[in-house]
Amino acid sequence: MAMPDAKDINVSSIEDPLHLLQAELEEVDRSLKEVTLMLDQSRVEVGKLTQRNAAVTAHLQQVQTQLERATVEETRQAYDSAIDAQQRLFVMRGQLEKLQNDQSHLERSKKFLERLQSASSNTAGGGKGEKAALTSVEMLVNAQEAERQRLSRQMHDGPAQALSNFILQTEIAMRLLDVDANQARNELGNLKVAAMSTFQKIRNFIFELRPMMLDDLGLVPTIRRYADTFKEQSGAEVSVTIAGNERRLEPYVEVMVFRAMQELLGNAVHQNQATLVKIQIDLGDALIKLSVDDNGKGFDTDALDKEGNLGLKLIKERVEMLGGSFTLDSAPGMGSRLSLSIPVQK
């Protein structure tokens, strides 16, 4: 029987979490093969465009040295060809860079899922260890589905709704062109402002979904940028303090720490209603430590263990899988401090 597509599986209807983990792994593997194929094709296209750009540039230089003998039309065509070649090459290089980032992200996801699958499959049968492993897999899958639902709602309420409004505003402007040109111009001006605002929201949305600078610049610059953006959007006071040797870490460690910071910062402001959040990162030689302190309403840690918080539980599971520790320190009305530490390879 063919394996069902991961996107079409309802988590609540799956009795075996390993079944869904396998489907997720196959989906990531399919996506990775597609991106790799597109990447190879894009590299070939970039090579062709680079050669064309060099030839067109050489022709333009030749025309420039013979301006007195070249006609106006020949000069114009040479410049137009050069600009067109440069623009095409610029666009393809941008697409190539995006595909490279996508490939890197999918490769990391595949390795993580394979490690998780191996850890779950190798657990001794029937004992508490196996039950704990299956619980971890189920938590991971549920967290992924919850995140997809959140992103889907954000896309529907944000960019998708804005694009619908763009279509309506465009139709209004087109009808006004023959009736009232000034009013049509005003409508187009409003449309431009709305498009710029939506473009910025989409950029923020993409950054939250997967900040490319995490791959390019590393953990610390990405956290600082995210904290500044979050501060602007939420109005909360967010500070970042870095200690230790600032350096690039293993990709899986950078992703783990960034996602943990993202979750803890969101919890502090949205759940604990904090107005002041302090993020501290200690880049030690043997341990990476992250702590998030806030002045929010706090919570009962015992009640949290009983009621459960999927995001915090998932952070704890991932940290412990890497051989680290995760601690909560909070009380109602006293704010909270959440911290984790992860061993790193030297």
C-alpha atoms as a PDB file:
ATOM      1  CA  MET A   1       0.000   0.000   0.000  1.00  0.00           C
ATOM      2  CA  ALA A   2       1.338   3.455  -0.893  1.00  0.00           C
ATOM      3  CA  MET A   3       2.383   5.701   1.959  1.00  0.00           C
ATOM      4  CA  PRO A   4      -0.106   8.598   2.405  1.00  0.00           C
ATOM      5  CA  ASP A   5       1.188  12.104   1.836  1.00  0.00           C
ATOM      6  CA  ALA A   6       2.216  13.801   5.095  1.00  0.00           C
ATOM      7  CA  LYS A   7       0.212  16.917   4.311  1.00  0.00           C
ATOM      8  CA  ASP A   8      -3.016  14.915   4.056  1.00  0.00           C
ATOM      9  CA  ILE A   9      -2.700  13.025   7.352  1.00  0.00           C
ATOM     10  CA  ASN A  10      -4.855  13.969  10.314  1.00  0.00           C
ATOM     11  CA  VAL A  11      -2.664  13.596  13.399  1.00  0.00           C
ATOM     12  CA  SER A  12      -5.605  12.774  15.667  1.00  0.00           C
ATOM     13  CA  SER A  13      -6.502   9.748  13.525  1.00  0.00           C
ATOM     14  CA  ILE A  14      -3.036   8.154  13.642  1.00  0.00           C
ATOM     15  CA  GLU A  15      -2.500   5.463  16.252  1.00  0.00           C
ATOM     16  CA  ASP A  16       1.171   4.895  15.428  1.00  0.00           C
ATOM     17  CA  PRO A  17       3.291   8.083  15.550  1.00  0.00           C
ATOM     18  CA  LEU A  18       6.141   6.263  13.777  1.00  0.00           C
ATOM     19  CA  HIS A  19       3.866   5.866  10.760  1.00  0.00           C
ATOM     20  CA  LEU A  20       3.457   9.623  10.519  1.00  0.00           C
ATOM     21  CA  LEU A  21       7.167  10.189  11.146  1.00  0.00           C
ATOM     22  CA  GLN A  22       7.965   7.943   8.174  1.00  0.00           C
ATOM     23  CA  ALA A  23       5.505   9.869   6.000  1.00  0.00           C
ATOM     24  CA  GLU A  24       7.064  13.156   7.082  1.00  0.00           C
ATOM     25  CA  LEU A  25      10.532  11.836   6.267  1.00  0.00           C
ATOM     26  CA  GLU A  26       9.405  10.704   2.814  1.00  0.00           C
ATOM     27  CA  GLU A  27       7.834  14.105   2.162  1.00  0.00           C
ATOM     28  CA  VAL A  28      11.068  15.888   3.116  1.00  0.00           C
ATOM     29  CA  ASP A  29      13.062  13.484   0.945  1.00  0.00           C
ATOM     30  CA  ARG A  30      10.777  14.144  -2.044  1.00  0.00           C
ATOM     31  CA  SER A  31      11.090  17.885  -1.567  1.00  0.00           C
ATOM     32  CA  LEU A  32      14.872  17.589  -1.267  1.00  0.00           C
ATOM     33  CA  LYS A  33      15.107  15.686  -4.561  1.00  0.00           C
ATOM     34  CA  GLU A  34      12.932  18.287  -6.309  1.00  0.00           C
ATOM     35  CA  VAL A  35      14.998  21.182  -4.957  1.00  0.00           C
ATOM     36  CA  THR A  36      18.257  19.426  -5.902  1.00  0.00           C
ATOM     37  CA  LEU A  37      17.008  18.927  -9.472  1.00  0.00           C
ATOM     38  CA  MET A  38      15.925  22.571  -9.727  1.00  0.00           C
ATOM     39  CA  LEU A  39      19.275  23.620  -8.262  1.00  0.00           C
ATOM     40  CA  ASP A  40      21.189  21.688 -10.922  1.00  0.00           C
ATOM     41  CA  GLN A  41      19.045  23.217 -13.665  1.00  0.00           C
ATOM     42  CA  SER A  42      19.506  26.705 -12.223  1.00  0.00           C
ATOM     43  CA  ARG A  43      23.289  26.280 -12.113  1.00  0.00           C
ATOM     44  CA  VAL A  44      23.282  25.377 -15.807  1.00  0.00           C
ATOM     45  CA  GLU A  45      21.089  28.394 -16.590  1.00  0.00           C
ATOM     46  CA  VAL A  46      23.309  30.726 -14.558  1.00  0.00           C
ATOM     47  CA  GLY A  47      26.316  29.441 -16.516  1.00  0.00           C
ATOM     48  CA  LYS A  48      24.606  30.193 -19.829  1.00  0.00           C
ATOM     49  CA  LEU A  49      23.484  33.638 -18.694  1.00  0.00           C
ATOM     50  CA  THR A  50      26.989  34.425 -17.417  1.00  0.00           C
ATOM     51  CA  GLN A  51      28.408  33.641 -20.864  1.00  0.00           C
ATOM     52  CA  ARG A  52      25.695  35.674 -22.574  1.00  0.00           C
ATOM     53  CA  ASN A  53      26.278  38.594 -20.227  1.00  0.00           C
ATOM     54  CA  ALA A  54      30.010  38.512 -20.980  1.00  0.00           C
ATOM     55  CA  ALA A  55      29.348  38.488 -24.742  1.00  0.00           C
ATOM     56  CA  VAL A  56      26.808  41.313 -24.572  1.00  0.00           C
ATOM     57  CA  THR A  57      29.113  43.388 -22.357  1.00  0.00           C
ATOM     58  CA  ALA A  58      31.978  42.901 -24.807  1.00  0.00           C
ATOM     59  CA  HIS A  59      29.721  44.018 -27.664  1.00  0.00           C
ATOM     60  CA  LEU A  60      28.650  47.089 -25.687  1.00  0.00           C
ATOM     61  CA  GLN A  61      32.267  48.021 -25.033  1.00  0.00           C
ATOM     62  CA  GLN A  62      32.977  47.679 -28.744  1.00  0.00           C
ATOM     63  CA  VAL A  63      30.062  49.985 -29.589  1.00  0.00           C
ATOM     64  CA  GLN A  64      31.252  52.509 -27.017  1.00  0.00           C
ATOM     65  CA  THR A  65      34.660  52.682 -28.669  1.00  0.00           C
ATOM     66  CA  GLN A  66      32.996  53.314 -32.041  1.00  0.00           C
ATOM     67  CA  LEU A  67      30.261  55.777 -31.070  1.00  0.00           C
ATOM     68  CA  GLU A  68      31.016  58.036 -34.033  1.00  0.00           C
ATOM     69  CA  ARG A  69      30.329  55.258 -36.546  1.00  0.00           C
ATOM     70  CA  ALA A  70      27.486  53.495 -34.660  1.00  0.00           C
ATOM     71  CA  THR A  71      23.910  54.583 -35.287  1.00  0.00           C
ATOM     72  CA  VAL A  72      21.623  55.680 -32.483  1.00  0.00           C
ATOM     73  CA  GLU A  73      19.570  52.512 -32.908  1.00  0.00           C
ATOM     74  CA  GLU A  74      22.656  50.267 -32.690  1.00  0.00           C
ATOM     75  CA  THR A  75      23.792  52.049 -29.530  1.00  0.00           C
ATOM     76  CA  ARG A  76      20.352  51.789 -27.951  1.00  0.00           C
ATOM     77  CA  GLN A  77      20.072  48.072 -28.761  1.00  0.00           C
ATOM     78  CA  ALA A  78      23.523  47.408 -27.299  1.00  0.00           C
ATOM     79  CA  TYR A  79      22.609  49.132 -24.035  1.00  0.00           C
ATOM     80  CA  ASP A  80      19.189  47.422 -23.876  1.00  0.00           C
ATOM     81  CA  SER A  81      20.766  44.009 -24.458  1.00  0.00           C
ATOM     82  CA  ALA A  82      23.357  44.623 -21.741  1.00  0.00           C
ATOM     83  CA  ILE A  83      20.724  45.723 -19.209  1.00  0.00           C
ATOM     84  CA  ASP A  84      18.462  42.772 -20.071  1.00  0.00           C
ATOM     85  CA  ALA A  85      21.334  40.275 -19.709  1.00  0.00           C
ATOM     86  CA  GLN A  86      22.372  41.735 -16.344  1.00  0.00           C
ATOM     87  CA  GLN A  87      18.815  41.672 -15.021  1.00  0.00           C
ATOM     88  CA  ARG A  88      18.265  38.061 -16.076  1.00  0.00           C
ATOM     89  CA  LEU A  89      21.555  37.023 -14.497  1.00  0.00           C
ATOM     90  CA  PHE A  90      20.688  38.886 -11.282  1.00  0.00           C
ATOM     91  CA  VAL A  91      17.282  37.172 -11.030  1.00  0.00           C
ATOM     92  CA  MET A  92      18.729  33.707 -11.682  1.00  0.00           C
ATOM     93  CA  ARG A  93      21.492  34.193  -9.133  1.00  0.00           C
ATOM     94  CA  GLY A  94      18.863  35.177  -6.576  1.00  0.00           C
ATOM     95  CA  GLN A  95      16.862  32.047  -7.396  1.00  0.00           C
ATOM     96  CA  LEU A  96      20.030  29.947  -7.148  1.00  0.00           C
ATOM     97  CA  GLU A  97      20.793  31.362  -3.698  1.00  0.00           C
ATOM     98  CA  LYS A  98      17.236  30.661  -2.505  1.00  0.00           C
ATOM     99  CA  LEU A  99      17.391  27.066  -3.768  1.00  0.00           C
ATOM    100  CA  GLN A 100      20.727  26.548  -2.016  1.00  0.00           C
ATOM    101  CA  ASN A 101      19.206  27.759   1.262  1.00  0.00           C
ATOM    102  CA  ASP A 102      16.159  25.510   0.730  1.00  0.00           C
ATOM    103  CA  GLN A 103      18.427  22.530   0.057  1.00  0.00           C
ATOM    104  CA  SER A 104      20.457  23.200   3.199  1.00  0.00           C
ATOM    105  CA  HIS A 105      17.300  23.480   5.330  1.00  0.00           C
ATOM    106  CA  LEU A 106      15.779  20.276   3.903  1.00  0.00           C
ATOM    107  CA  GLU A 107      19.019  18.348   4.430  1.00  0.00           C
ATOM    108  CA  ARG A 108      19.066  19.380   8.094  1.00  0.00           C
ATOM    109  CA  SER A 109      15.399  18.426   8.487  1.00  0.00           C
ATOM    110  CA  LYS A 110      16.024  15.044   6.889  1.00  0.00           C
ATOM    111  CA  LYS A 111      18.985  14.305   9.183  1.00  0.00           C
ATOM    112  CA  PHE A 112      16.978  15.271  12.255  1.00  0.00           C
ATOM    113  CA  LEU A 113      14.018  13.079  11.258  1.00  0.00           C
ATOM    114  CA  GLU A 114      16.339  10.172  10.472  1.00  0.00           C
ATOM    115  CA  ARG A 115      17.983  10.461  13.897  1.00  0.00           C
ATOM    116  CA  LEU A 116      14.586  10.618  15.560  1.00  0.00           C
ATOM    117  CA  GLN A 117      13.363   7.615  13.588  1.00  0.00           C
ATOM    118  CA  SER A 118      16.498   5.639  14.422  1.00  0.00           C
ATOM    119  CA  ALA A 119      16.240   6.477  18.123  1.00  0.00           C
ATOM    120  CA  SER A 120      12.591   5.400  18.199  1.00  0.00           C
ATOM    121  CA  SER A 121      13.139   2.195  16.189  1.00  0.00           C
ATOM    122  CA  ASN A 122      16.119   1.033  18.255  1.00  0.00           C
ATOM    123  CA  THR A 123      14.357   1.372  21.591  1.00  0.00           C
ATOM    124  CA  ALA A 124      13.844  -1.944  23.408  1.00  0.00           C
ATOM    125  CA  GLY A 125      10.343  -3.223  22.689  1.00  0.00           C
ATOM    126  CA  GLY A 126       7.413  -2.884  25.045  1.00  0.00           C
ATOM    127  CA  GLY A 127       9.027  -0.922  27.873  1.00  0.00           C
ATOM    128  CA  LYS A 128       8.762   2.550  29.242  1.00  0.00           C
ATOM    129  CA  GLY A 129      11.583   3.690  26.957  1.00  0.00           C
ATOM    130  CA  GLU A 130       9.598   2.801  23.862  1.00  0.00           C
ATOM    131  CA  LYS A 131       6.511   4.571  25.172  1.00  0.00           C
ATOM    132  CA  ALA A 132       8.575   7.677  25.926  1.00  0.00           C
ATOM    133  CA  ALA A 133      10.102   7.600  22.449  1.00  0.00           C
ATOM    134  CA  LEU A 134       6.698   7.322  20.803  1.00  0.00           C
ATOM    135  CA  THR A 135       5.435  10.153  22.984  1.00  0.00           C
ATOM    136  CA  SER A 136       8.343  12.324  21.816  1.00  0.00           C
ATOM    137  CA  VAL A 137       7.554  11.557  18.180  1.00  0.00           C
ATOM    138  CA  GLU A 138       3.883  12.327  18.712  1.00  0.00           C
ATOM    139  CA  MET A 139       4.735  15.639  20.401  1.00  0.00           C
ATOM    140  CA  LEU A 140       7.011  16.583  17.511  1.00  0.00           C
ATOM    141  CA  VAL A 141       4.346  15.794  14.932  1.00  0.00           C
ATOM    142  CA  ASN A 142       1.618  17.605  16.869  1.00  0.00           C
ATOM    143  CA  ALA A 143       3.876  20.645  17.242  1.00  0.00           C
ATOM    144  CA  GLN A 144       4.574  20.648  13.496  1.00  0.00           C
ATOM    145  CA  GLU A 145       0.866  20.448  12.689  1.00  0.00           C
ATOM    146  CA  ALA A 146       0.054  23.226  15.183  1.00  0.00           C
ATOM    147  CA  GLU A 147       2.743  25.417  13.606  1.00  0.00           C
ATOM    148  CA  ARG A 148       1.362  24.739  10.125  1.00  0.00           C
ATOM    149  CA  GLN A 149      -2.118  25.729  11.269  1.00  0.00           C
ATOM    150  CA  ARG A 150      -0.767  28.938  12.801  1.00  0.00           C
ATOM    151  CA  LEU A 151       1.127  29.841   9.634  1.00  0.00           C
ATOM    152  CA  SER A 152      -1.906  29.003   7.511  1.00  0.00           C
ATOM    153  CA  ARG A 153      -4.073  31.372   9.565  1.00  0.00           C
ATOM    154  CA  GLN A 154      -1.437  34.105   9.333  1.00  0.00           C
ATOM    155  CA  MET A 155      -1.254  33.731   5.551  1.00  0.00           C
ATOM    156  CA  HIS A 156      -5.043  33.790   5.234  1.00  0.00           C
ATOM    157  CA  ASP A 157      -5.561  36.777   7.522  1.00  0.00           C
ATOM    158  CA  GLY A 158      -2.556  38.703   6.216  1.00  0.00           C
ATOM    159  CA  PRO A 159      -1.070  38.428   2.699  1.00  0.00           C
ATOM    160  CA  ALA A 160      -3.965  36.446   1.177  1.00  0.00           C
ATOM    161  CA  GLN A 161      -6.547  38.989   2.347  1.00  0.00           C
ATOM    162  CA  ALA A 162      -4.332  41.870   1.212  1.00  0.00           C
ATOM    163  CA  LEU A 163      -3.967  40.373  -2.275  1.00  0.00           C
ATOM    164  CA  SER A 164      -7.743  40.097  -2.543  1.00  0.00           C
ATOM    165  CA  ASN A 165      -8.005  43.776  -1.668  1.00  0.00           C
ATOM    166  CA  PHE A 166      -5.366  44.609  -4.297  1.00  0.00           C
ATOM    167  CA  ILE A 167      -7.500  42.985  -6.983  1.00  0.00           C
ATOM    168  CA  LEU A 168     -10.548  44.977  -5.890  1.00  0.00           C
ATOM    169  CA  GLN A 169      -8.606  48.270  -5.758  1.00  0.00           C
ATOM    170  CA  THR A 170      -7.140  47.601  -9.212  1.00  0.00           C
ATOM    171  CA  GLU A 171     -10.606  47.035 -10.691  1.00  0.00           C
ATOM    172  CA  ILE A 172     -11.836  50.276  -9.104  1.00  0.00           C
ATOM    173  CA  ALA A 173      -8.877  52.223 -10.503  1.00  0.00           C
ATOM    174  CA  MET A 174      -9.381  50.761 -13.986  1.00  0.00           C
ATOM    175  CA  ARG A 175     -13.050  51.806 -14.012  1.00  0.00           C
ATOM    176  CA  LEU A 176     -12.154  55.307 -12.846  1.00  0.00           C
ATOM    177  CA  LEU A 177      -9.532  55.901 -15.542  1.00  0.00           C
ATOM    178  CA  ASP A 178     -12.094  57.000 -18.138  1.00  0.00           C
ATOM    179  CA  VAL A 179     -14.337  58.749 -15.611  1.00  0.00           C
ATOM    180  CA  ASP A 180     -12.098  60.569 -13.156  1.00  0.00           C
ATOM    181  CA  ALA A 181      -8.359  60.370 -13.808  1.00  0.00           C
ATOM    182  CA  ASN A 182      -7.470  62.163 -10.547  1.00  0.00           C
ATOM    183  CA  GLN A 183      -9.512  59.755  -8.463  1.00  0.00           C
ATOM    184  CA  ALA A 184      -7.965  56.840 -10.342  1.00  0.00           C
ATOM    185  CA  ARG A 185      -4.525  58.250  -9.552  1.00  0.00           C
ATOM    186  CA  ASN A 186      -5.450  58.474  -5.869  1.00  0.00           C
ATOM    187  CA  GLU A 187      -6.637  54.867  -5.884  1.00  0.00           C
ATOM    188  CA  LEU A 188      -3.378  53.739  -7.477  1.00  0.00           C
ATOM    189  CA  GLY A 189      -1.434  55.717  -4.862  1.00  0.00           C
ATOM    190  CA  ASN A 190      -3.352  53.982  -2.084  1.00  0.00           C
ATOM    191  CA  LEU A 191      -2.722  50.664  -3.789  1.00  0.00           C
ATOM    192  CA  LYS A 192       1.031  51.346  -3.875  1.00  0.00           C
ATOM    193  CA  VAL A 193       1.103  52.188  -0.161  1.00  0.00           C
ATOM    194  CA  ALA A 194      -0.868  49.046   0.691  1.00  0.00           C
ATOM    195  CA  ALA A 195       1.406  46.914  -1.504  1.00  0.00           C
ATOM    196  CA  MET A 196       4.522  48.252   0.219  1.00  0.00           C
ATOM    197  CA  SER A 197       3.016  47.532   3.633  1.00  0.00           C
ATOM    198  CA  THR A 198       2.026  43.995   2.610  1.00  0.00           C
ATOM    199  CA  PHE A 199       5.461  43.392   1.115  1.00  0.00           C
ATOM    200  CA  GLN A 200       7.059  44.269   4.458  1.00  0.00           C
ATOM    201  CA  LYS A 201       4.638  41.961   6.290  1.00  0.00           C
ATOM    202  CA  ILE A 202       5.529  39.120   3.926  1.00  0.00           C
ATOM    203  CA  ARG A 203       9.231  39.743   4.527  1.00  0.00           C
ATOM    204  CA  ASN A 204       8.616  39.600   8.290  1.00  0.00           C
ATOM    205  CA  PHE A 205       6.538  36.463   7.818  1.00  0.00           C
ATOM    206  CA  ILE A 206       9.318  34.776   5.813  1.00  0.00           C
ATOM    207  CA  PHE A 207      11.916  35.829   8.384  1.00  0.00           C
ATOM    208  CA  GLU A 208       9.865  34.285  11.175  1.00  0.00           C
ATOM    209  CA  LEU A 209       9.255  31.136   9.147  1.00  0.00           C
ATOM    210  CA  ARG A 210      12.891  30.622   8.220  1.00  0.00           C
ATOM    211  CA  PRO A 211      15.386  33.485   8.561  1.00  0.00           C
ATOM    212  CA  MET A 212      17.925  33.019   5.758  1.00  0.00           C
ATOM    213  CA  MET A 213      20.488  35.014   7.715  1.00  0.00           C
ATOM    214  CA  LEU A 214      20.658  32.086  10.156  1.00  0.00           C
ATOM    215  CA  ASP A 215      22.410  30.148   7.382  1.00  0.00           C
ATOM    216  CA  ASP A 216      24.442  33.109   6.141  1.00  0.00           C
ATOM    217  CA  LEU A 217      25.502  34.958   9.328  1.00  0.00           C
ATOM    218  CA  GLY A 218      24.795  32.560  12.177  1.00  0.00           C
ATOM    219  CA  LEU A 219      22.938  32.437  15.466  1.00  0.00           C
ATOM    220  CA  VAL A 220      23.869  35.681  17.235  1.00  0.00           C
ATOM    221  CA  PRO A 221      23.126  38.188  14.415  1.00  0.00           C
ATOM    222  CA  THR A 222      19.849  36.381  13.698  1.00  0.00           C
ATOM    223  CA  ILE A 223      18.706  36.502  17.328  1.00  0.00           C
ATOM    224  CA  ARG A 224      19.573  40.205  17.562  1.00  0.00           C
ATOM    225  CA  ARG A 225      17.642  40.935  14.361  1.00  0.00           C
ATOM    226  CA  TYR A 226      14.654  38.853  15.473  1.00  0.00           C
ATOM    227  CA  ALA A 227      14.586  40.572  18.886  1.00  0.00           C
ATOM    228  CA  ASP A 228      14.596  44.018  17.249  1.00  0.00           C
ATOM    229  CA  THR A 229      11.774  43.034  14.886  1.00  0.00           C
ATOM    230  CA  PHE A 230       9.755  41.456  17.706  1.00  0.00           C
ATOM    231  CA  LYS A 231      10.243  44.587  19.810  1.00  0.00           C
ATOM    232  CA  GLU A 232       8.867  46.795  17.018  1.00  0.00           C
ATOM    233  CA  GLN A 233       5.862  44.563  16.422  1.00  0.00           C
ATOM    234  CA  SER A 234       4.904  43.804  20.033  1.00  0.00           C
ATOM    235  CA  GLY A 235       5.909  47.006  21.842  1.00  0.00           C
ATOM    236  CA  ALA A 236       7.648  44.991  24.568  1.00  0.00           C
ATOM    237  CA  GLU A 237      11.146  45.945  25.712  1.00  0.00           C
ATOM    238  CA  VAL A 238      13.504  43.172  24.577  1.00  0.00           C
ATOM    239  CA  SER A 239      17.244  43.113  25.298  1.00  0.00           C
ATOM    240  CA  VAL A 240      19.895  40.640  24.144  1.00  0.00           C
ATOM    241  CA  THR A 241      23.146  39.970  26.018  1.00  0.00           C
ATOM    242  CA  ILE A 242      25.882  37.791  24.530  1.00  0.00           C
ATOM    243  CA  ALA A 243      28.750  36.289  26.529  1.00  0.00           C
ATOM    244  CA  GLY A 244      31.547  33.953  25.545  1.00  0.00           C
ATOM    245  CA  ASN A 245      33.216  33.319  22.203  1.00  0.00           C
ATOM    246  CA  GLU A 246      30.874  34.506  19.450  1.00  0.00           C
ATOM    247  CA  ARG A 247      31.261  31.988  16.620  1.00  0.00           C
ATOM    248  CA  ARG A 248      29.425  29.756  14.186  1.00  0.00           C
ATOM    249  CA  LEU A 249      28.025  26.543  15.655  1.00  0.00           C
ATOM    250  CA  GLU A 250      26.807  23.305  14.158  1.00  0.00           C
ATOM    251  CA  PRO A 251      23.719  24.075  12.020  1.00  0.00           C
ATOM    252  CA  TYR A 252      21.423  21.849  14.096  1.00  0.00           C
ATOM    253  CA  VAL A 253      22.531  23.620  17.299  1.00  0.00           C
ATOM    254  CA  GLU A 254      21.909  27.078  15.808  1.00  0.00           C
ATOM    255  CA  VAL A 255      18.437  26.054  14.626  1.00  0.00           C
ATOM    256  CA  MET A 256      17.609  24.460  17.998  1.00  0.00           C
ATOM    257  CA  VAL A 257      18.686  27.503  20.043  1.00  0.00           C
ATOM    258  CA  PHE A 258      16.999  29.979  17.696  1.00  0.00           C
ATOM    259  CA  ARG A 259      13.666  28.090  17.702  1.00  0.00           C
ATOM    260  CA  ALA A 260      13.810  27.789  21.489  1.00  0.00           C
ATOM    261  CA  MET A 261      14.442  31.532  21.844  1.00  0.00           C
ATOM    262  CA  GLN A 262      11.592  32.232  19.417  1.00  0.00           C
ATOM    263  CA  GLU A 263       9.157  30.088  21.406  1.00  0.00           C
ATOM    264  CA  LEU A 264      10.242  31.401  24.815  1.00  0.00           C
ATOM    265  CA  LEU A 265      10.096  35.037  23.711  1.00  0.00           C
ATOM    266  CA  GLY A 266       6.618  34.551  22.259  1.00  0.00           C
ATOM    267  CA  ASN A 267       5.418  32.832  25.440  1.00  0.00           C
ATOM    268  CA  ALA A 268       6.809  35.609  27.629  1.00  0.00           C
ATOM    269  CA  VAL A 269       4.939  38.378  25.800  1.00  0.00           C
ATOM    270  CA  HIS A 270       1.800  36.663  24.497  1.00  0.00           C
ATOM    271  CA  GLN A 271       1.119  34.190  27.314  1.00  0.00           C
ATOM    272  CA  ASN A 272       2.750  35.799  30.365  1.00  0.00           C
ATOM    273  CA  GLN A 273       1.893  39.357  29.211  1.00  0.00           C
ATOM    274  CA  ALA A 274       5.441  40.552  29.897  1.00  0.00           C
ATOM    275  CA  THR A 275       6.536  44.080  28.999  1.00  0.00           C
ATOM    276  CA  LEU A 276      10.243  43.477  29.655  1.00  0.00           C
ATOM    277  CA  VAL A 277      12.173  40.444  28.392  1.00  0.00           C
ATOM    278  CA  LYS A 278      15.891  39.781  28.792  1.00  0.00           C
ATOM    279  CA  ILE A 279      17.568  37.231  26.528  1.00  0.00           C
ATOM    280  CA  GLN A 280      20.995  36.006  27.609  1.00  0.00           C
ATOM    281  CA  ILE A 281      23.231  33.696  25.599  1.00  0.00           C
ATOM    282  CA  ASP A 282      26.507  32.249  26.872  1.00  0.00           C
ATOM    283  CA  LEU A 283      28.628  30.733  24.103  1.00  0.00           C
ATOM    284  CA  GLY A 284      30.935  28.623  26.222  1.00  0.00           C
ATOM    285  CA  ASP A 285      33.536  26.246  24.858  1.00  0.00           C
ATOM    286  CA  ALA A 286      31.688  23.161  26.115  1.00  0.00           C
ATOM    287  CA  LEU A 287      28.117  24.429  26.717  1.00  0.00           C
ATOM    288  CA  ILE A 288      25.740  26.781  24.966  1.00  0.00           C
ATOM    289  CA  LYS A 289      23.365  28.395  27.467  1.00  0.00           C
ATOM    290  CA  LEU A 290      20.186  30.334  26.718  1.00  0.00           C
ATOM    291  CA  SER A 291      18.002  32.037  29.331  1.00  0.00           C
ATOM    292  CA  VAL A 292      14.885  34.168  28.881  1.00  0.00           C
ATOM    293  CA  ASP A 293      13.751  36.301  31.855  1.00  0.00           C
ATOM    294  CA  ASP A 294      10.513  38.286  31.856  1.00  0.00           C
ATOM    295  CA  ASN A 295       8.430  40.467  34.210  1.00  0.00           C
ATOM    296  CA  GLY A 296       5.137  38.824  33.225  1.00  0.00           C
ATOM    297  CA  LYS A 297       2.386  37.360  35.347  1.00  0.00           C
ATOM    298  CA  GLY A 298       4.287  34.102  35.836  1.00  0.00           C
ATOM    299  CA  PHE A 299       2.804  30.626  36.207  1.00  0.00           C
ATOM    300  CA  ASP A 300       2.672  27.615  38.502  1.00  0.00           C
ATOM    301  CA  THR A 301       5.337  25.199  37.259  1.00  0.00           C
ATOM    302  CA  ASP A 302       3.594  22.218  38.904  1.00  0.00           C
ATOM    303  CA  ALA A 303       0.325  23.065  37.170  1.00  0.00           C
ATOM    304  CA  LEU A 304       2.185  23.508  33.894  1.00  0.00           C
ATOM    305  CA  ASP A 305       3.596  19.991  34.163  1.00  0.00           C
ATOM    306  CA  LYS A 306       0.094  18.598  34.660  1.00  0.00           C
ATOM    307  CA  GLU A 307      -1.738  20.714  32.084  1.00  0.00           C
ATOM    308  CA  GLY A 308       1.070  20.615  29.552  1.00  0.00           C
ATOM    309  CA  ASN A 309       2.475  23.211  27.174  1.00  0.00           C
ATOM    310  CA  LEU A 310       3.314  21.666  23.811  1.00  0.00           C
ATOM    311  CA  GLY A 311       5.909  24.275  22.884  1.00  0.00           C
ATOM    312  CA  LEU A 312       7.824  24.052  26.160  1.00  0.00           C
ATOM    313  CA  LYS A 313       7.610  20.263  26.254  1.00  0.00           C
ATOM    314  CA  LEU A 314       8.992  20.057  22.725  1.00  0.00           C
ATOM    315  CA  ILE A 315      11.911  22.321  23.660  1.00  0.00           C
ATOM    316  CA  LYS A 316      12.641  20.113  26.679  1.00  0.00           C
ATOM    317  CA  GLU A 317      12.505  16.945  24.555  1.00  0.00           C
ATOM    318  CA  ARG A 318      14.829  18.368  21.888  1.00  0.00           C
ATOM    319  CA  VAL A 319      17.302  19.701  24.448  1.00  0.00           C
ATOM    320  CA  GLU A 320      17.439  16.361  26.265  1.00  0.00           C
ATOM    321  CA  MET A 321      17.882  14.518  22.955  1.00  0.00           C
ATOM    322  CA  LEU A 322      21.051  16.591  22.502  1.00  0.00           C
ATOM    323  CA  GLY A 323      22.233  15.722  26.018  1.00  0.00           C
ATOM    324  CA  GLY A 324      21.304  19.088  27.549  1.00  0.00           C
ATOM    325  CA  SER A 325      18.973  20.350  30.271  1.00  0.00           C
ATOM    326  CA  PHE A 326      15.946  22.640  30.436  1.00  0.00           C
ATOM    327  CA  THR A 327      14.698  24.374  33.607  1.00  0.00           C
ATOM    328  CA  LEU A 328      11.690  26.508  34.563  1.00  0.00           C
ATOM    329  CA  ASP A 329      11.679  28.990  37.414  1.00  0.00           C
ATOM    330  CA  SER A 330       8.432  30.898  37.912  1.00  0.00           C
ATOM    331  CA  ALA A 331       5.569  31.645  40.279  1.00  0.00           C
ATOM    332  CA  PRO A 332       2.246  33.477  39.813  1.00  0.00           C
ATOM    333  CA  GLY A 333       2.852  37.235  39.852  1.00  0.00           C
ATOM    334  CA  MET A 334       6.652  36.856  39.992  1.00  0.00           C
ATOM    335  CA  GLY A 335       7.659  36.691  36.350  1.00  0.00           C
ATOM    336  CA  SER A 336       9.584  33.740  34.967  1.00  0.00           C
ATOM    337  CA  ARG A 337      13.024  32.518  33.967  1.00  0.00           C
ATOM    338  CA  LEU A 338      13.389  29.709  31.451  1.00  0.00           C
ATOM    339  CA  SER A 339      16.838  28.417  30.620  1.00  0.00           C
ATOM    340  CA  LEU A 340      18.496  25.639  28.704  1.00  0.00           C
ATOM    341  CA  SER A 341      22.017  24.372  28.116  1.00  0.00           C
ATOM    342  CA  ILE A 342      23.326  22.228  25.265  1.00  0.00           C
ATOM    343  CA  PRO A 343      26.745  20.558  25.050  1.00  0.00           C
ATOM    344  CA  VAL A 344      28.665  21.409  21.883  1.00  0.00           C
ATOM    345  CA  GLN A 345      31.465  19.682  20.050  1.00  0.00           C
ATOM    346  CA  LYS A 346      34.850  21.343  20.260  1.00  0.00           C
END
